[in-house]
């Protein structure tokens, strides 16, 4: 399984939430993948100091840069905050490429305008 952790999920991982910790352990074993959108790192740190530095240093997570293609997708979601738009754009790009993944968020309602339905594991 490939999971995209948004800023709320990164904060939960930082707080050692058991679900997110288990997911990260699976990634460390190579039995799953964790993707971290770069804008989610910034947003997570703005909500709780220290989360961004922690998230940026996750050894078994793959950082996903905000690209021009992500920006183009984001233009369709006028009132969606930038970290949400980045995670949603990552999901849309994966869907177009036929790569299954799930966006994990503790606030899935933030994604309503994007057409993405994230999973709230709580």
C-alpha atoms as a PDB file:
ATOM      1  CA  UNK A   1       0.000   0.000   0.000  1.00  0.00           C
ATOM      2  CA  UNK A   2       1.109   3.542  -0.726  1.00  0.00           C
ATOM      3  CA  UNK A   3      -0.090   6.248   1.630  1.00  0.00           C
ATOM      4  CA  UNK A   4       0.165  10.014   1.293  1.00  0.00           C
ATOM      5  CA  UNK A   5       0.413  11.699   4.676  1.00  0.00           C
ATOM      6  CA  UNK A   6      -1.057  15.176   4.745  1.00  0.00           C
ATOM      7  CA  UNK A   7      -0.135  17.806   7.338  1.00  0.00           C
ATOM      8  CA  UNK A   8      -2.632  16.445   9.884  1.00  0.00           C
ATOM      9  CA  UNK A   9      -1.303  12.909   9.477  1.00  0.00           C
ATOM     10  CA  UNK A  10       2.280  14.116   9.841  1.00  0.00           C
ATOM     11  CA  UNK A  11       1.361  15.793  13.118  1.00  0.00           C
ATOM     12  CA  UNK A  12      -0.221  12.536  14.318  1.00  0.00           C
ATOM     13  CA  UNK A  13       2.901  10.575  13.382  1.00  0.00           C
ATOM     14  CA  UNK A  14       5.000  13.130  15.281  1.00  0.00           C
ATOM     15  CA  UNK A  15       2.791  12.557  18.350  1.00  0.00           C
ATOM     16  CA  UNK A  16       3.449   8.771  17.996  1.00  0.00           C
ATOM     17  CA  UNK A  17      -0.123   7.891  17.037  1.00  0.00           C
ATOM     18  CA  UNK A  18      -0.214   4.088  16.938  1.00  0.00           C
ATOM     19  CA  UNK A  19      -1.801   3.810  13.472  1.00  0.00           C
ATOM     20  CA  UNK A  20       0.678   6.162  11.820  1.00  0.00           C
ATOM     21  CA  UNK A  21       3.618   4.686  13.699  1.00  0.00           C
ATOM     22  CA  UNK A  22       2.612   1.225  12.500  1.00  0.00           C
ATOM     23  CA  UNK A  23       2.288   2.480   8.945  1.00  0.00           C
ATOM     24  CA  UNK A  24       5.762   3.994   9.124  1.00  0.00           C
ATOM     25  CA  UNK A  25       7.171   0.743  10.513  1.00  0.00           C
ATOM     26  CA  UNK A  26       5.672  -1.089   7.524  1.00  0.00           C
ATOM     27  CA  UNK A  27       7.416   1.382   5.211  1.00  0.00           C
ATOM     28  CA  UNK A  28      10.700   0.752   7.024  1.00  0.00           C
ATOM     29  CA  UNK A  29      10.279  -2.967   6.323  1.00  0.00           C
ATOM     30  CA  UNK A  30       9.569  -2.347   2.653  1.00  0.00           C
ATOM     31  CA  UNK A  31       6.004  -3.654   2.878  1.00  0.00           C
ATOM     32  CA  UNK A  32       4.449  -0.261   2.217  1.00  0.00           C
ATOM     33  CA  UNK A  33       5.294   3.213   0.993  1.00  0.00           C
ATOM     34  CA  UNK A  34       4.805   6.549   2.679  1.00  0.00           C
ATOM     35  CA  UNK A  35       4.741   9.711   0.574  1.00  0.00           C
ATOM     36  CA  UNK A  36       5.141  13.119   2.174  1.00  0.00           C
ATOM     37  CA  UNK A  37       4.168  16.168   0.106  1.00  0.00           C
ATOM     38  CA  UNK A  38       6.654  18.964   0.763  1.00  0.00           C
ATOM     39  CA  UNK A  39       3.916  21.531   1.348  1.00  0.00           C
ATOM     40  CA  UNK A  40       2.421  19.254   4.014  1.00  0.00           C
ATOM     41  CA  UNK A  41       5.751  19.408   5.857  1.00  0.00           C
ATOM     42  CA  UNK A  42       5.624  23.203   5.962  1.00  0.00           C
ATOM     43  CA  UNK A  43       1.960  23.286   6.981  1.00  0.00           C
ATOM     44  CA  UNK A  44       2.459  20.700   9.717  1.00  0.00           C
ATOM     45  CA  UNK A  45       5.299  22.727  11.197  1.00  0.00           C
ATOM     46  CA  UNK A  46       3.197  25.893  11.156  1.00  0.00           C
ATOM     47  CA  UNK A  47       0.541  24.088  13.166  1.00  0.00           C
ATOM     48  CA  UNK A  48       3.008  22.566  15.636  1.00  0.00           C
ATOM     49  CA  UNK A  49       6.644  23.622  15.846  1.00  0.00           C
ATOM     50  CA  UNK A  50       9.045  20.753  15.308  1.00  0.00           C
ATOM     51  CA  UNK A  51       6.758  18.594  13.170  1.00  0.00           C
ATOM     52  CA  UNK A  52       8.235  19.860   9.903  1.00  0.00           C
ATOM     53  CA  UNK A  53      11.824  19.104  10.831  1.00  0.00           C
ATOM     54  CA  UNK A  54      10.752  15.675  12.047  1.00  0.00           C
ATOM     55  CA  UNK A  55       8.724  14.965   8.894  1.00  0.00           C
ATOM     56  CA  UNK A  56      11.527  16.117   6.610  1.00  0.00           C
ATOM     57  CA  UNK A  57      13.917  13.699   8.293  1.00  0.00           C
ATOM     58  CA  UNK A  58      11.774  10.557   8.012  1.00  0.00           C
ATOM     59  CA  UNK A  59      14.210   8.053   6.574  1.00  0.00           C
ATOM     60  CA  UNK A  60      11.624   5.630   5.191  1.00  0.00           C
ATOM     61  CA  UNK A  61       9.284   8.214   3.678  1.00  0.00           C
ATOM     62  CA  UNK A  62       9.539   9.629   0.173  1.00  0.00           C
ATOM     63  CA  UNK A  63       9.380  13.393  -0.156  1.00  0.00           C
ATOM     64  CA  UNK A  64       7.214  14.654  -3.015  1.00  0.00           C
ATOM     65  CA  UNK A  65       8.095  18.086  -4.383  1.00  0.00           C
ATOM     66  CA  UNK A  66       5.373  20.510  -5.456  1.00  0.00           C
ATOM     67  CA  UNK A  67       5.670  20.546  -9.238  1.00  0.00           C
ATOM     68  CA  UNK A  68       4.221  22.686 -12.010  1.00  0.00           C
ATOM     69  CA  UNK A  69       1.834  19.817 -12.792  1.00  0.00           C
ATOM     70  CA  UNK A  70       0.623  19.829  -9.195  1.00  0.00           C
ATOM     71  CA  UNK A  71       0.141  23.580  -9.446  1.00  0.00           C
ATOM     72  CA  UNK A  72      -1.952  23.188 -12.606  1.00  0.00           C
ATOM     73  CA  UNK A  73      -4.261  20.735 -10.852  1.00  0.00           C
ATOM     74  CA  UNK A  74      -4.482  23.033  -7.838  1.00  0.00           C
ATOM     75  CA  UNK A  75      -5.786  25.892  -9.970  1.00  0.00           C
ATOM     76  CA  UNK A  76      -9.088  24.025 -10.193  1.00  0.00           C
ATOM     77  CA  UNK A  77      -9.588  24.137  -6.434  1.00  0.00           C
ATOM     78  CA  UNK A  78      -9.840  27.858  -5.695  1.00  0.00           C
ATOM     79  CA  UNK A  79     -10.557  27.817  -1.978  1.00  0.00           C
ATOM     80  CA  UNK A  80      -8.471  24.791  -1.027  1.00  0.00           C
ATOM     81  CA  UNK A  81      -5.438  25.512   1.143  1.00  0.00           C
ATOM     82  CA  UNK A  82      -2.072  24.797  -0.481  1.00  0.00           C
ATOM     83  CA  UNK A  83      -1.026  21.768   1.629  1.00  0.00           C
ATOM     84  CA  UNK A  84      -4.361  20.088   0.903  1.00  0.00           C
ATOM     85  CA  UNK A  85      -4.072  20.942  -2.788  1.00  0.00           C
ATOM     86  CA  UNK A  86      -0.613  19.373  -2.917  1.00  0.00           C
ATOM     87  CA  UNK A  87      -1.709  16.098  -1.320  1.00  0.00           C
ATOM     88  CA  UNK A  88      -4.784  15.972  -3.599  1.00  0.00           C
ATOM     89  CA  UNK A  89      -2.682  16.653  -6.698  1.00  0.00           C
ATOM     90  CA  UNK A  90      -0.306  13.828  -5.747  1.00  0.00           C
ATOM     91  CA  UNK A  91      -3.324  11.522  -5.517  1.00  0.00           C
ATOM     92  CA  UNK A  92      -4.718  12.658  -8.869  1.00  0.00           C
ATOM     93  CA  UNK A  93      -1.368  12.131 -10.599  1.00  0.00           C
ATOM     94  CA  UNK A  94      -1.113   8.626  -9.158  1.00  0.00           C
ATOM     95  CA  UNK A  95      -4.677   7.819 -10.242  1.00  0.00           C
ATOM     96  CA  UNK A  96      -3.947   8.953 -13.800  1.00  0.00           C
ATOM     97  CA  UNK A  97      -0.848   6.749 -13.819  1.00  0.00           C
ATOM     98  CA  UNK A  98      -2.813   3.766 -12.508  1.00  0.00           C
ATOM     99  CA  UNK A  99      -0.895   3.710  -9.224  1.00  0.00           C
ATOM    100  CA  UNK A 100      -3.218   3.041  -6.297  1.00  0.00           C
ATOM    101  CA  UNK A 101      -2.673   5.104  -3.174  1.00  0.00           C
ATOM    102  CA  UNK A 102      -4.633   6.548  -0.308  1.00  0.00           C
ATOM    103  CA  UNK A 103      -4.442  10.014   1.204  1.00  0.00           C
ATOM    104  CA  UNK A 104      -4.553   9.909   4.996  1.00  0.00           C
ATOM    105  CA  UNK A 105      -5.933  12.903   6.839  1.00  0.00           C
ATOM    106  CA  UNK A 106      -7.446  13.621  10.232  1.00  0.00           C
ATOM    107  CA  UNK A 107      -9.565  16.322   8.546  1.00  0.00           C
ATOM    108  CA  UNK A 108     -10.926  14.734   5.351  1.00  0.00           C
ATOM    109  CA  UNK A 109     -13.523  17.485   4.971  1.00  0.00           C
ATOM    110  CA  UNK A 110     -10.684  19.762   3.791  1.00  0.00           C
ATOM    111  CA  UNK A 111     -10.599  17.763   0.538  1.00  0.00           C
ATOM    112  CA  UNK A 112     -14.238  18.120  -0.499  1.00  0.00           C
ATOM    113  CA  UNK A 113     -13.571  20.444  -3.457  1.00  0.00           C
ATOM    114  CA  UNK A 114     -10.714  18.296  -4.801  1.00  0.00           C
ATOM    115  CA  UNK A 115     -12.645  15.147  -5.611  1.00  0.00           C
ATOM    116  CA  UNK A 116     -10.311  13.182  -3.337  1.00  0.00           C
ATOM    117  CA  UNK A 117     -11.784  11.186  -0.472  1.00  0.00           C
ATOM    118  CA  UNK A 118      -9.053  10.743   2.117  1.00  0.00           C
ATOM    119  CA  UNK A 119      -9.193   8.152   4.834  1.00  0.00           C
ATOM    120  CA  UNK A 120      -9.385   9.286   8.433  1.00  0.00           C
ATOM    121  CA  UNK A 121      -7.986   6.311  10.372  1.00  0.00           C
ATOM    122  CA  UNK A 122      -9.153   7.581  13.768  1.00  0.00           C
END
